[in-house]
């Protein structure tokens, strides 16, 4: 059971680190332009 809790806690830590990294990337590049580009691609199709 301790091994399962260790794996679960490590997965949670990895998810938190990934979310923090994504938030840093979003602050560097404004997400509005990305959303506009995706909308333009959707309208083109």
PDB file of N, CA and C in Angstrom:
ATOM      1  N   UNK A   1       0.839  -1.202   0.000  1.00  0.00           N
ATOM      2  CA  UNK A   1       0.000   0.000   0.000  1.00  0.00           C
ATOM      3  C   UNK A   1       0.870   1.248   0.000  1.00  0.00           C
ATOM      4  N   UNK A   2       2.011   1.186   0.692  1.00  0.00           N
ATOM      5  CA  UNK A   2       2.891   2.358   0.724  1.00  0.00           C
ATOM      6  C   UNK A   2       3.452   2.637  -0.670  1.00  0.00           C
ATOM      7  N   UNK A   3       3.731   1.570  -1.427  1.00  0.00           N
ATOM      8  CA  UNK A   3       4.250   1.757  -2.788  1.00  0.00           C
ATOM      9  C   UNK A   3       3.193   2.436  -3.654  1.00  0.00           C
ATOM     10  N   UNK A   4       1.926   2.044  -3.495  1.00  0.00           N
ATOM     11  CA  UNK A   4       0.845   2.664  -4.277  1.00  0.00           C
ATOM     12  C   UNK A   4       0.707   4.139  -3.924  1.00  0.00           C
ATOM     13  N   UNK A   5       0.782   4.466  -2.641  1.00  0.00           N
ATOM     14  CA  UNK A   5       0.661   5.873  -2.237  1.00  0.00           C
ATOM     15  C   UNK A   5       1.857   6.675  -2.750  1.00  0.00           C
ATOM     16  N   UNK A   6       3.039   6.057  -2.786  1.00  0.00           N
ATOM     17  CA  UNK A   6       4.221   6.752  -3.315  1.00  0.00           C
ATOM     18  C   UNK A   6       4.054   7.043  -4.799  1.00  0.00           C
ATOM     19  N   UNK A   7       3.557   6.064  -5.559  1.00  0.00           N
ATOM     20  CA  UNK A   7       3.333   6.268  -6.998  1.00  0.00           C
ATOM     21  C   UNK A   7       2.266   7.335  -7.207  1.00  0.00           C
ATOM     22  N   UNK A   8       1.209   7.297  -6.409  1.00  0.00           N
ATOM     23  CA  UNK A   8       0.123   8.271  -6.555  1.00  0.00           C
ATOM     24  C   UNK A   8       0.623   9.678  -6.262  1.00  0.00           C
ATOM     25  N   UNK A   9       1.408   9.833  -5.198  1.00  0.00           N
ATOM     26  CA  UNK A   9       1.925  11.163  -4.858  1.00  0.00           C
ATOM     27  C   UNK A   9       2.888  11.660  -5.934  1.00  0.00           C
ATOM     28  N   UNK A  10       3.699  10.767  -6.495  1.00  0.00           N
ATOM     29  CA  UNK A  10       4.638  11.194  -7.543  1.00  0.00           C
ATOM     30  C   UNK A  10       3.879  11.632  -8.789  1.00  0.00           C
ATOM     31  N   UNK A  11       2.790  10.942  -9.136  1.00  0.00           N
ATOM     32  CA  UNK A  11       1.985  11.331 -10.299  1.00  0.00           C
ATOM     33  C   UNK A  11       1.359  12.702 -10.062  1.00  0.00           C
ATOM     34  N   UNK A  12       0.855  12.938  -8.859  1.00  0.00           N
ATOM     35  CA  UNK A  12       0.249  14.240  -8.541  1.00  0.00           C
ATOM     36  C   UNK A  12       1.293  15.342  -8.656  1.00  0.00           C
ATOM     37  N   UNK A  13       2.508  15.094  -8.156  1.00  0.00           N
ATOM     38  CA  UNK A  13       3.573  16.103  -8.239  1.00  0.00           C
ATOM     39  C   UNK A  13       3.910  16.389  -9.698  1.00  0.00           C
ATOM     40  N   UNK A  14       3.980  15.350 -10.532  1.00  0.00           N
ATOM     41  CA  UNK A  14       4.293  15.552 -11.955  1.00  0.00           C
ATOM     42  C   UNK A  14       3.208  16.391 -12.617  1.00  0.00           C
ATOM     43  N   UNK A  15       1.938  16.132 -12.281  1.00  0.00           N
ATOM     44  CA  UNK A  15       0.834  16.898 -12.876  1.00  0.00           C
ATOM     45  C   UNK A  15       0.929  18.359 -12.448  1.00  0.00           C
ATOM     46  N   UNK A  16       1.227  18.607 -11.173  1.00  0.00           N
ATOM     47  CA  UNK A  16       1.339  19.988 -10.687  1.00  0.00           C
ATOM     48  C   UNK A  16       2.476  20.703 -11.400  1.00  0.00           C
ATOM     49  N   UNK A  17       3.625  20.041 -11.546  1.00  0.00           N
ATOM     50  CA  UNK A  17       4.767  20.656 -12.234  1.00  0.00           C
ATOM     51  C   UNK A  17       4.411  20.955 -13.686  1.00  0.00           C
ATOM     52  N   UNK A  18       3.693  20.040 -14.337  1.00  0.00           N
ATOM     53  CA  UNK A  18       3.299  20.265 -15.730  1.00  0.00           C
ATOM     54  C   UNK A  18       2.363  21.465 -15.834  1.00  0.00           C
ATOM     55  N   UNK A  19       1.422  21.597 -14.898  1.00  0.00           N
ATOM     56  CA  UNK A  19       0.493  22.734 -14.928  1.00  0.00           C
ATOM     57  C   UNK A  19       1.248  24.042 -14.712  1.00  0.00           C
ATOM     58  N   UNK A  20       2.206  24.053 -13.794  1.00  0.00           N
ATOM     59  CA  UNK A  20       2.990  25.273 -13.553  1.00  0.00           C
ATOM     60  C   UNK A  20       3.786  25.633 -14.797  1.00  0.00           C
ATOM     61  N   UNK A  21       4.387  24.638 -15.453  1.00  0.00           N
ATOM     62  CA  UNK A  21       5.164  24.900 -16.667  1.00  0.00           C
ATOM     63  C   UNK A  21       4.253  25.448 -17.761  1.00  0.00           C
ATOM     64  N   UNK A  22       3.054  24.886 -17.903  1.00  0.00           N
ATOM     65  CA  UNK A  22       2.122  25.378 -18.924  1.00  0.00           C
ATOM     66  C   UNK A  22       1.702  26.806 -18.617  1.00  0.00           C
ATOM     67  N   UNK A  23       1.496  27.137 -17.347  1.00  0.00           N
ATOM     68  CA  UNK A  23       1.100  28.501 -16.994  1.00  0.00           C
ATOM     69  C   UNK A  23       2.226  29.472 -17.329  1.00  0.00           C
ATOM     70  N   UNK A  24       3.489  29.065 -17.102  1.00  0.00           N
ATOM     71  CA  UNK A  24       4.611  29.940 -17.458  1.00  0.00           C
ATOM     72  C   UNK A  24       4.660  30.150 -18.966  1.00  0.00           C
ATOM     73  N   UNK A  25       4.416  29.112 -19.754  1.00  0.00           N
ATOM     74  CA  UNK A  25       4.431  29.238 -21.215  1.00  0.00           C
ATOM     75  C   UNK A  25       3.301  30.155 -21.668  1.00  0.00           C
ATOM     76  N   UNK A  26       2.133  30.038 -21.029  1.00  0.00           N
ATOM     77  CA  UNK A  26       0.996  30.875 -21.415  1.00  0.00           C
ATOM     78  C   UNK A  26       1.258  32.338 -21.091  1.00  0.00           C
ATOM     79  N   UNK A  27       1.994  32.629 -20.027  1.00  0.00           N
ATOM     80  CA  UNK A  27       2.278  34.021 -19.694  1.00  0.00           C
ATOM     81  C   UNK A  27       3.268  34.608 -20.696  1.00  0.00           C
ATOM     82  N   UNK A  28       4.194  33.774 -21.207  1.00  0.00           N
ATOM     83  CA  UNK A  28       5.159  34.283 -22.188  1.00  0.00           C
ATOM     84  C   UNK A  28       4.463  34.586 -23.515  1.00  0.00           C
ATOM     85  N   UNK A  29       3.597  33.670 -23.971  1.00  0.00           N
ATOM     86  CA  UNK A  29       2.865  33.874 -25.221  1.00  0.00           C
ATOM     87  C   UNK A  29       1.394  34.110 -24.891  1.00  0.00           C
ATOM     88  N   UNK A  30       0.826  35.236 -25.288  1.00  0.00           N
ATOM     89  CA  UNK A  30      -0.585  35.493 -24.976  1.00  0.00           C
ATOM     90  C   UNK A  30      -1.493  34.440 -25.599  1.00  0.00           C
ATOM     91  N   UNK A  31      -2.373  33.799 -24.806  1.00  0.00           N
ATOM     92  CA  UNK A  31      -3.226  32.722 -25.337  1.00  0.00           C
ATOM     93  C   UNK A  31      -4.299  33.229 -26.290  1.00  0.00           C
ATOM     94  N   UNK A  32      -4.541  34.545 -26.306  1.00  0.00           N
ATOM     95  CA  UNK A  32      -5.597  35.081 -27.178  1.00  0.00           C
ATOM     96  C   UNK A  32      -5.235  34.838 -28.634  1.00  0.00           C
ATOM     97  N   UNK A  33      -3.966  35.045 -28.998  1.00  0.00           N
ATOM     98  CA  UNK A  33      -3.563  34.840 -30.393  1.00  0.00           C
ATOM     99  C   UNK A  33      -3.720  33.369 -30.774  1.00  0.00           C
ATOM    100  N   UNK A  34      -3.425  32.470 -29.848  1.00  0.00           N
ATOM    101  CA  UNK A  34      -3.558  31.043 -30.143  1.00  0.00           C
ATOM    102  C   UNK A  34      -5.024  30.703 -30.373  1.00  0.00           C
ATOM    103  N   UNK A  35      -5.917  31.256 -29.539  1.00  0.00           N
ATOM    104  CA  UNK A  35      -7.344  30.984 -29.712  1.00  0.00           C
ATOM    105  C   UNK A  35      -7.829  31.547 -31.037  1.00  0.00           C
ATOM    106  N   UNK A  36      -7.369  32.747 -31.404  1.00  0.00           N
ATOM    107  CA  UNK A  36      -7.779  33.335 -32.681  1.00  0.00           C
ATOM    108  C   UNK A  36      -7.285  32.474 -33.840  1.00  0.00           C
ATOM    109  N   UNK A  37      -6.065  31.973 -33.757  1.00  0.00           N
ATOM    110  CA  UNK A  37      -5.533  31.139 -34.831  1.00  0.00           C
ATOM    111  C   UNK A  37      -6.354  29.858 -34.955  1.00  0.00           C
ATOM    112  N   UNK A  38      -6.733  29.268 -33.830  1.00  0.00           N
ATOM    113  CA  UNK A  38      -7.530  28.045 -33.884  1.00  0.00           C
ATOM    114  C   UNK A  38      -8.907  28.343 -34.469  1.00  0.00           C
ATOM    115  N   UNK A  39      -9.495  29.493 -34.127  1.00  0.00           N
ATOM    116  CA  UNK A  39     -10.803  29.852 -34.683  1.00  0.00           C
ATOM    117  C   UNK A  39     -10.691  30.072 -36.183  1.00  0.00           C
ATOM    118  N   UNK A  40      -9.613  30.711 -36.634  1.00  0.00           N
ATOM    119  CA  UNK A  40      -9.427  30.941 -38.068  1.00  0.00           C
ATOM    120  C   UNK A  40      -9.296  29.615 -38.808  1.00  0.00           C
ATOM    121  N   UNK A  41      -8.569  28.664 -38.224  1.00  0.00           N
ATOM    122  CA  UNK A  41      -8.430  27.358 -38.870  1.00  0.00           C
ATOM    123  C   UNK A  41      -9.776  26.643 -38.917  1.00  0.00           C
ATOM    124  N   UNK A  42     -10.573  26.781 -37.861  1.00  0.00           N
ATOM    125  CA  UNK A  42     -11.878  26.121 -37.838  1.00  0.00           C
ATOM    126  C   UNK A  42     -12.801  26.736 -38.882  1.00  0.00           C
ATOM    127  N   UNK A  43     -12.737  28.062 -39.050  1.00  0.00           N
ATOM    128  CA  UNK A  43     -13.590  28.719 -40.042  1.00  0.00           C
ATOM    129  C   UNK A  43     -13.127  28.383 -41.457  1.00  0.00           C
ATOM    130  N   UNK A  44     -11.818  28.205 -41.659  1.00  0.00           N
ATOM    131  CA  UNK A  44     -11.308  27.900 -42.998  1.00  0.00           C
ATOM    132  C   UNK A  44     -11.797  26.525 -43.447  1.00  0.00           C
ATOM    133  N   UNK A  45     -11.969  25.595 -42.498  1.00  0.00           N
ATOM    134  CA  UNK A  45     -12.424  24.241 -42.871  1.00  0.00           C
ATOM    135  C   UNK A  45     -13.912  24.214 -43.016  1.00  0.00           C
TER     136      UNK A  45
END
